[in-house]
All heavy atoms as atom14 arrays in JSON, in Angstrom:
{
  "sequence": "GGSLRLSCAASRSIFRINAMGWHRQAPGKQREL",
  "atom14_mask": [
    [1, 1, 1, 1, 0, 0, 0, 0, 0, 0, 0, 0, 0, 0],
    [1, 1, 1, 1, 0, 0, 0, 0, 0, 0, 0, 0, 0, 0],
    [1, 1, 1, 1, 1, 1, 0, 0, 0, 0, 0, 0, 0, 0],
    [1, 1, 1, 1, 1, 1, 1, 1, 0, 0, 0, 0, 0, 0],
    [1, 1, 1, 1, 1, 1, 1, 1, 1, 1, 1, 0, 0, 0],
    [1, 1, 1, 1, 1, 1, 1, 1, 0, 0, 0, 0, 0, 0],
    [1, 1, 1, 1, 1, 1, 0, 0, 0, 0, 0, 0, 0, 0],
    [1, 1, 1, 1, 1, 1, 0, 0, 0, 0, 0, 0, 0, 0],
    [1, 1, 1, 1, 1, 0, 0, 0, 0, 0, 0, 0, 0, 0],
    [1, 1, 1, 1, 1, 0, 0, 0, 0, 0, 0, 0, 0, 0],
    [1, 1, 1, 1, 1, 1, 0, 0, 0, 0, 0, 0, 0, 0],
    [1, 1, 1, 1, 1, 1, 1, 1, 1, 1, 1, 0, 0, 0],
    [1, 1, 1, 1, 1, 1, 0, 0, 0, 0, 0, 0, 0, 0],
    [1, 1, 1, 1, 1, 1, 1, 1, 0, 0, 0, 0, 0, 0],
    [1, 1, 1, 1, 1, 1, 1, 1, 1, 1, 1, 0, 0, 0],
    [1, 1, 1, 1, 1, 1, 1, 1, 1, 1, 1, 0, 0, 0],
    [1, 1, 1, 1, 1, 1, 1, 1, 0, 0, 0, 0, 0, 0],
    [1, 1, 1, 1, 1, 1, 1, 1, 0, 0, 0, 0, 0, 0],
    [1, 1, 1, 1, 1, 0, 0, 0, 0, 0, 0, 0, 0, 0],
    [1, 1, 1, 1, 1, 1, 1, 1, 0, 0, 0, 0, 0, 0],
    [1, 1, 1, 1, 0, 0, 0, 0, 0, 0, 0, 0, 0, 0],
    [1, 1, 1, 1, 1, 1, 1, 1, 1, 1, 1, 1, 1, 1],
    [1, 1, 1, 1, 1, 1, 1, 1, 1, 1, 0, 0, 0, 0],
    [1, 1, 1, 1, 1, 1, 1, 1, 1, 1, 1, 0, 0, 0],
    [1, 1, 1, 1, 1, 1, 1, 1, 1, 0, 0, 0, 0, 0],
    [1, 1, 1, 1, 1, 0, 0, 0, 0, 0, 0, 0, 0, 0],
    [1, 1, 1, 1, 1, 1, 1, 0, 0, 0, 0, 0, 0, 0],
    [1, 1, 1, 1, 0, 0, 0, 0, 0, 0, 0, 0, 0, 0],
    [1, 1, 1, 1, 1, 1, 1, 1, 1, 0, 0, 0, 0, 0],
    [1, 1, 1, 1, 1, 1, 1, 1, 1, 0, 0, 0, 0, 0],
    [1, 1, 1, 1, 1, 1, 1, 1, 1, 1, 1, 0, 0, 0],
    [1, 1, 1, 1, 1, 1, 1, 1, 1, 0, 0, 0, 0, 0],
    [1, 1, 1, 1, 1, 1, 1, 1, 0, 0, 0, 0, 0, 0]
  ],
  "atom14_positions": [
    [[0.8, -1.22, 0.0], [0.0, 0.0, 0.0], [0.83, 1.26, 0.0], [0.29, 2.36, -0.21], [0.0, 0.0, 0.0], [0.0, 0.0, 0.0], [0.0, 0.0, 0.0], [0.0, 0.0, 0.0], [0.0, 0.0, 0.0], [0.0, 0.0, 0.0], [0.0, 0.0, 0.0], [0.0, 0.0, 0.0], [0.0, 0.0, 0.0], [0.0, 0.0, 0.0]],
    [[2.13, 1.13, 0.22], [3.01, 2.28, 0.28], [3.45, 2.75, -1.09], [3.08, 2.18, -2.11], [0.0, 0.0, 0.0], [0.0, 0.0, 0.0], [0.0, 0.0, 0.0], [0.0, 0.0, 0.0], [0.0, 0.0, 0.0], [0.0, 0.0, 0.0], [0.0, 0.0, 0.0], [0.0, 0.0, 0.0], [0.0, 0.0, 0.0], [0.0, 0.0, 0.0]],
    [[4.27, 3.8, -1.07], [4.74, 4.4, -2.32], [6.26, 4.45, -2.36], [6.92, 4.46, -1.32], [4.18, 5.83, -2.45], [2.77, 5.82, -2.51], [0.0, 0.0, 0.0], [0.0, 0.0, 0.0], [0.0, 0.0, 0.0], [0.0, 0.0, 0.0], [0.0, 0.0, 0.0], [0.0, 0.0, 0.0], [0.0, 0.0, 0.0], [0.0, 0.0, 0.0]],
    [[6.76, 4.53, -3.58], [8.2, 4.62, -3.8], [8.4, 5.32, -5.12], [7.61, 5.13, -6.05], [8.81, 3.22, -3.84], [10.3, 3.04, -3.58], [10.64, 3.46, -2.16], [10.7, 1.59, -3.81], [0.0, 0.0, 0.0], [0.0, 0.0, 0.0], [0.0, 0.0, 0.0], [0.0, 0.0, 0.0], [0.0, 0.0, 0.0], [0.0, 0.0, 0.0]],
    [[9.44, 6.14, -5.22], [9.75, 6.77, -6.49], [11.16, 6.4, -6.91], [12.11, 6.62, -6.18], [9.62, 8.29, -6.42], [9.74, 8.95, -7.81], [9.53, 10.44, -7.79], [10.71, 11.17, -7.41], [10.97, 12.43, -7.74], [10.09, 13.08, -8.5], [12.06, 13.03, -7.34], [0.0, 0.0, 0.0], [0.0, 0.0, 0.0], [0.0, 0.0, 0.0]],
    [[11.26, 5.86, -8.1], [12.56, 5.53, -8.68], [13.0, 6.64, -9.62], [12.17, 7.26, -10.29], [12.48, 4.22, -9.45], [12.01, 2.99, -8.69], [12.03, 1.77, -9.6], [12.84, 2.75, -7.45], [0.0, 0.0, 0.0], [0.0, 0.0, 0.0], [0.0, 0.0, 0.0], [0.0, 0.0, 0.0], [0.0, 0.0, 0.0], [0.0, 0.0, 0.0]],
    [[14.3, 6.86, -9.66], [14.88, 7.84, -10.58], [15.92, 7.15, -11.45], [16.61, 6.24, -11.01], [15.54, 8.98, -9.81], [14.62, 9.66, -9.0], [0.0, 0.0, 0.0], [0.0, 0.0, 0.0], [0.0, 0.0, 0.0], [0.0, 0.0, 0.0], [0.0, 0.0, 0.0], [0.0, 0.0, 0.0], [0.0, 0.0, 0.0], [0.0, 0.0, 0.0]],
    [[16.03, 7.63, -12.67], [17.03, 7.11, -13.59], [17.72, 8.31, -14.23], [17.11, 9.04, -15.02], [16.38, 6.25, -14.67], [17.5, 5.75, -16.0], [0.0, 0.0, 0.0], [0.0, 0.0, 0.0], [0.0, 0.0, 0.0], [0.0, 0.0, 0.0], [0.0, 0.0, 0.0], [0.0, 0.0, 0.0], [0.0, 0.0, 0.0], [0.0, 0.0, 0.0]],
    [[18.98, 8.5, -13.87], [19.75, 9.62, -14.4], [20.59, 9.16, -15.58], [21.35, 8.18, -15.46], [20.63, 10.21, -13.3], [0.0, 0.0, 0.0], [0.0, 0.0, 0.0], [0.0, 0.0, 0.0], [0.0, 0.0, 0.0], [0.0, 0.0, 0.0], [0.0, 0.0, 0.0], [0.0, 0.0, 0.0], [0.0, 0.0, 0.0], [0.0, 0.0, 0.0]],
    [[20.48, 9.87, -16.68], [21.25, 9.54, -17.88], [22.52, 10.38, -17.94], [22.56, 11.5, -17.43], [20.41, 9.77, -19.12], [0.0, 0.0, 0.0], [0.0, 0.0, 0.0], [0.0, 0.0, 0.0], [0.0, 0.0, 0.0], [0.0, 0.0, 0.0], [0.0, 0.0, 0.0], [0.0, 0.0, 0.0], [0.0, 0.0, 0.0], [0.0, 0.0, 0.0]],
    [[23.54, 9.84, -18.59], [24.84, 10.51, -18.65], [24.89, 11.62, -19.69], [25.86, 12.37, -19.73], [25.94, 9.48, -18.95], [25.7, 8.85, -20.2], [0.0, 0.0, 0.0], [0.0, 0.0, 0.0], [0.0, 0.0, 0.0], [0.0, 0.0, 0.0], [0.0, 0.0, 0.0], [0.0, 0.0, 0.0], [0.0, 0.0, 0.0], [0.0, 0.0, 0.0]],
    [[23.86, 11.69, -20.53], [23.8, 12.76, -21.52], [22.35, 13.16, -21.73], [21.45, 12.56, -21.15], [24.44, 12.33, -22.84], [23.73, 11.2, -23.57], [24.28, 11.08, -24.98], [23.69, 10.0, -25.76], [22.56, 10.1, -26.43], [21.86, 11.22, -26.4], [22.11, 9.07, -27.14], [0.0, 0.0, 0.0], [0.0, 0.0, 0.0], [0.0, 0.0, 0.0]],
    [[22.14, 14.13, -22.55], [20.8, 14.63, -22.8], [19.87, 13.52, -23.29], [20.24, 12.72, -24.13], [20.84, 15.75, -23.84], [19.53, 16.13, -24.2], [0.0, 0.0, 0.0], [0.0, 0.0, 0.0], [0.0, 0.0, 0.0], [0.0, 0.0, 0.0], [0.0, 0.0, 0.0], [0.0, 0.0, 0.0], [0.0, 0.0, 0.0], [0.0, 0.0, 0.0]],
    [[18.67, 13.49, -22.73], [17.69, 12.49, -23.15], [16.68, 13.1, -24.12], [15.74, 12.43, -24.53], [16.94, 11.89, -21.94], [16.11, 12.98, -21.23], [17.91, 11.23, -20.99], [15.2, 12.42, -20.14], [0.0, 0.0, 0.0], [0.0, 0.0, 0.0], [0.0, 0.0, 0.0], [0.0, 0.0, 0.0], [0.0, 0.0, 0.0], [0.0, 0.0, 0.0]],
    [[16.92, 14.35, -24.5], [15.94, 15.03, -25.33], [15.66, 14.28, -26.62], [14.53, 14.2, -27.08], [16.42, 16.46, -25.63], [15.47, 17.26, -26.46], [14.3, 17.74, -25.91], [15.72, 17.52, -27.81], [13.4, 18.48, -26.67], [14.83, 18.26, -28.57], [13.67, 18.74, -27.99], [0.0, 0.0, 0.0], [0.0, 0.0, 0.0], [0.0, 0.0, 0.0]],
    [[16.7, 13.7, -27.22], [16.53, 13.04, -28.51], [16.44, 11.52, -28.39], [16.41, 10.82, -29.39], [17.68, 13.42, -29.44], [17.69, 14.89, -29.81], [18.68, 15.21, -30.91], [18.69, 16.63, -31.23], [17.81, 17.2, -32.03], [16.87, 16.48, -32.62], [17.88, 18.5, -32.26], [0.0, 0.0, 0.0], [0.0, 0.0, 0.0], [0.0, 0.0, 0.0]],
    [[16.4, 11.02, -27.18], [16.26, 9.58, -27.0], [14.83, 9.18, -27.31], [13.88, 9.77, -26.8], [16.64, 9.16, -25.56], [18.15, 9.36, -25.36], [16.26, 7.72, -25.31], [18.64, 8.97, -23.99], [0.0, 0.0, 0.0], [0.0, 0.0, 0.0], [0.0, 0.0, 0.0], [0.0, 0.0, 0.0], [0.0, 0.0, 0.0], [0.0, 0.0, 0.0]],
    [[14.68, 8.17, -28.15], [13.36, 7.8, -28.65], [12.39, 7.42, -27.55], [11.26, 7.88, -27.5], [13.49, 6.63, -29.64], [14.3, 7.0, -30.86], [14.3, 8.15, -31.3], [15.03, 6.05, -31.4], [0.0, 0.0, 0.0], [0.0, 0.0, 0.0], [0.0, 0.0, 0.0], [0.0, 0.0, 0.0], [0.0, 0.0, 0.0], [0.0, 0.0, 0.0]],
    [[12.85, 6.57, -26.66], [11.97, 6.1, -25.59], [12.81, 5.71, -24.39], [13.94, 5.23, -24.53], [11.15, 4.91, -26.06], [0.0, 0.0, 0.0], [0.0, 0.0, 0.0], [0.0, 0.0, 0.0], [0.0, 0.0, 0.0], [0.0, 0.0, 0.0], [0.0, 0.0, 0.0], [0.0, 0.0, 0.0], [0.0, 0.0, 0.0], [0.0, 0.0, 0.0]],
    [[12.24, 5.91, -23.25], [12.87, 5.47, -22.01], [11.81, 4.78, -21.18], [10.61, 5.06, -21.31], [13.46, 6.64, -21.24], [14.61, 7.32, -21.99], [15.48, 8.53, -20.98], [16.34, 7.46, -19.83], [0.0, 0.0, 0.0], [0.0, 0.0, 0.0], [0.0, 0.0, 0.0], [0.0, 0.0, 0.0], [0.0, 0.0, 0.0], [0.0, 0.0, 0.0]],
    [[12.27, 3.87, -20.34], [11.27, 3.16, -19.57], [11.87, 2.37, -18.43], [13.07, 2.5, -18.12], [0.0, 0.0, 0.0], [0.0, 0.0, 0.0], [0.0, 0.0, 0.0], [0.0, 0.0, 0.0], [0.0, 0.0, 0.0], [0.0, 0.0, 0.0], [0.0, 0.0, 0.0], [0.0, 0.0, 0.0], [0.0, 0.0, 0.0], [0.0, 0.0, 0.0]],
    [[11.01, 1.61, -17.83], [11.39, 0.76, -16.71], [10.91, -0.66, -16.97], [9.78, -0.87, -17.41], [10.75, 1.27, -15.42], [11.26, 2.59, -14.98], [10.79, 3.83, -15.31], [12.38, 2.81, -14.12], [11.54, 4.81, -14.73], [12.52, 4.21, -13.97], [13.27, 1.99, -13.44], [13.51, 4.79, -13.19], [14.25, 2.56, -12.65], [14.38, 3.95, -12.53]],
    [[11.81, -1.6, -16.71], [11.49, -3.01, -16.72], [11.72, -3.53, -15.31], [12.38, -2.87, -14.5], [12.37, -3.76, -17.7], [12.05, -3.51, -19.15], [12.21, -2.28, -19.74], [11.58, -4.31, -20.11], [11.86, -2.34, -21.0], [11.47, -3.57, -21.26], [0.0, 0.0, 0.0], [0.0, 0.0, 0.0], [0.0, 0.0, 0.0], [0.0, 0.0, 0.0]],
    [[11.21, -4.7, -15.03], [11.49, -5.32, -13.74], [11.63, -6.82, -13.9], [11.09, -7.41, -14.84], [10.4, -4.98, -12.72], [9.05, -5.63, -13.0], [8.01, -5.14, -12.0], [6.7, -5.72, -12.25], [5.59, -5.36, -11.6], [5.64, -4.41, -10.68], [4.44, -5.95, -11.88], [0.0, 0.0, 0.0], [0.0, 0.0, 0.0], [0.0, 0.0, 0.0]],
    [[12.37, -7.39, -12.97], [12.56, -8.84, -12.97], [12.44, -9.36, -11.56], [13.24, -8.99, -10.69], [13.91, -9.21, -13.57], [14.1, -10.7, -13.76], [15.27, -11.04, -14.65], [16.16, -10.23, -14.87], [15.27, -12.26, -15.2], [0.0, 0.0, 0.0], [0.0, 0.0, 0.0], [0.0, 0.0, 0.0], [0.0, 0.0, 0.0], [0.0, 0.0, 0.0]],
    [[11.44, -10.18, -11.35], [11.22, -10.81, -10.05], [11.98, -12.13, -10.03], [12.28, -12.71, -11.07], [9.73, -11.04, -9.82], [0.0, 0.0, 0.0], [0.0, 0.0, 0.0], [0.0, 0.0, 0.0], [0.0, 0.0, 0.0], [0.0, 0.0, 0.0], [0.0, 0.0, 0.0], [0.0, 0.0, 0.0], [0.0, 0.0, 0.0], [0.0, 0.0, 0.0]],
    [[12.29, -12.63, -8.83], [13.02, -13.91, -8.73], [12.3, -15.02, -9.47], [11.1, -15.22, -9.29], [13.05, -14.17, -7.23], [12.94, -12.82, -6.61], [12.05, -12.03, -7.52], [0.0, 0.0, 0.0], [0.0, 0.0, 0.0], [0.0, 0.0, 0.0], [0.0, 0.0, 0.0], [0.0, 0.0, 0.0], [0.0, 0.0, 0.0], [0.0, 0.0, 0.0]],
    [[13.02, -15.72, -10.33], [12.46, -16.84, -11.06], [11.57, -16.48, -12.22], [10.96, -17.36, -12.83], [0.0, 0.0, 0.0], [0.0, 0.0, 0.0], [0.0, 0.0, 0.0], [0.0, 0.0, 0.0], [0.0, 0.0, 0.0], [0.0, 0.0, 0.0], [0.0, 0.0, 0.0], [0.0, 0.0, 0.0], [0.0, 0.0, 0.0], [0.0, 0.0, 0.0]],
    [[11.49, -15.19, -12.54], [10.62, -14.75, -13.63], [11.42, -14.0, -14.68], [12.53, -13.54, -14.44], [9.49, -13.86, -13.09], [8.54, -14.59, -12.16], [7.35, -13.71, -11.83], [6.34, -14.46, -10.97], [5.16, -13.61, -10.65], [0.0, 0.0, 0.0], [0.0, 0.0, 0.0], [0.0, 0.0, 0.0], [0.0, 0.0, 0.0], [0.0, 0.0, 0.0]],
    [[10.82, -13.87, -15.86], [11.47, -13.12, -16.92], [11.32, -11.62, -16.68], [10.4, -11.17, -16.01], [10.84, -13.5, -18.27], [11.17, -14.9, -18.75], [10.69, -15.16, -20.16], [9.69, -14.6, -20.59], [11.4, -16.0, -20.89], [0.0, 0.0, 0.0], [0.0, 0.0, 0.0], [0.0, 0.0, 0.0], [0.0, 0.0, 0.0], [0.0, 0.0, 0.0]],
    [[12.25, -10.88, -17.27], [12.17, -9.43, -17.19], [10.95, -8.97, -18.0], [10.69, -9.47, -19.09], [13.44, -8.79, -17.75], [13.57, -7.31, -17.5], [14.91, -6.76, -17.95], [16.01, -7.35, -17.2], [17.25, -6.89, -17.25], [17.55, -5.84, -18.02], [18.21, -7.46, -16.56], [0.0, 0.0, 0.0], [0.0, 0.0, 0.0], [0.0, 0.0, 0.0]],
    [[10.22, -8.02, -17.44], [9.01, -7.54, -18.1], [8.97, -6.02, -18.12], [9.51, -5.36, -17.23], [7.75, -8.05, -17.37], [7.63, -7.57, -15.94], [6.31, -7.98, -15.3], [5.44, -8.57, -15.97], [6.14, -7.67, -14.1], [0.0, 0.0, 0.0], [0.0, 0.0, 0.0], [0.0, 0.0, 0.0], [0.0, 0.0, 0.0], [0.0, 0.0, 0.0]],
    [[8.31, -5.51, -19.16], [8.14, -4.07, -19.26], [7.15, -3.59, -18.21], [6.09, -4.17, -18.04], [7.63, -3.7, -20.65], [7.25, -2.24, -20.86], [8.47, -1.34, -20.79], [6.52, -2.05, -22.18], [0.0, 0.0, 0.0], [0.0, 0.0, 0.0], [0.0, 0.0, 0.0], [0.0, 0.0, 0.0], [0.0, 0.0, 0.0], [0.0, 0.0, 0.0]]
  ]
}
């Protein structure tokens, strides 16, 4: 029920990067979008 905020800092400008996102992988499972 709680909240958390993740941050992802890029080493250069992300202005022209097509897409950015988050994936996750739980134990024993495949990585998912």
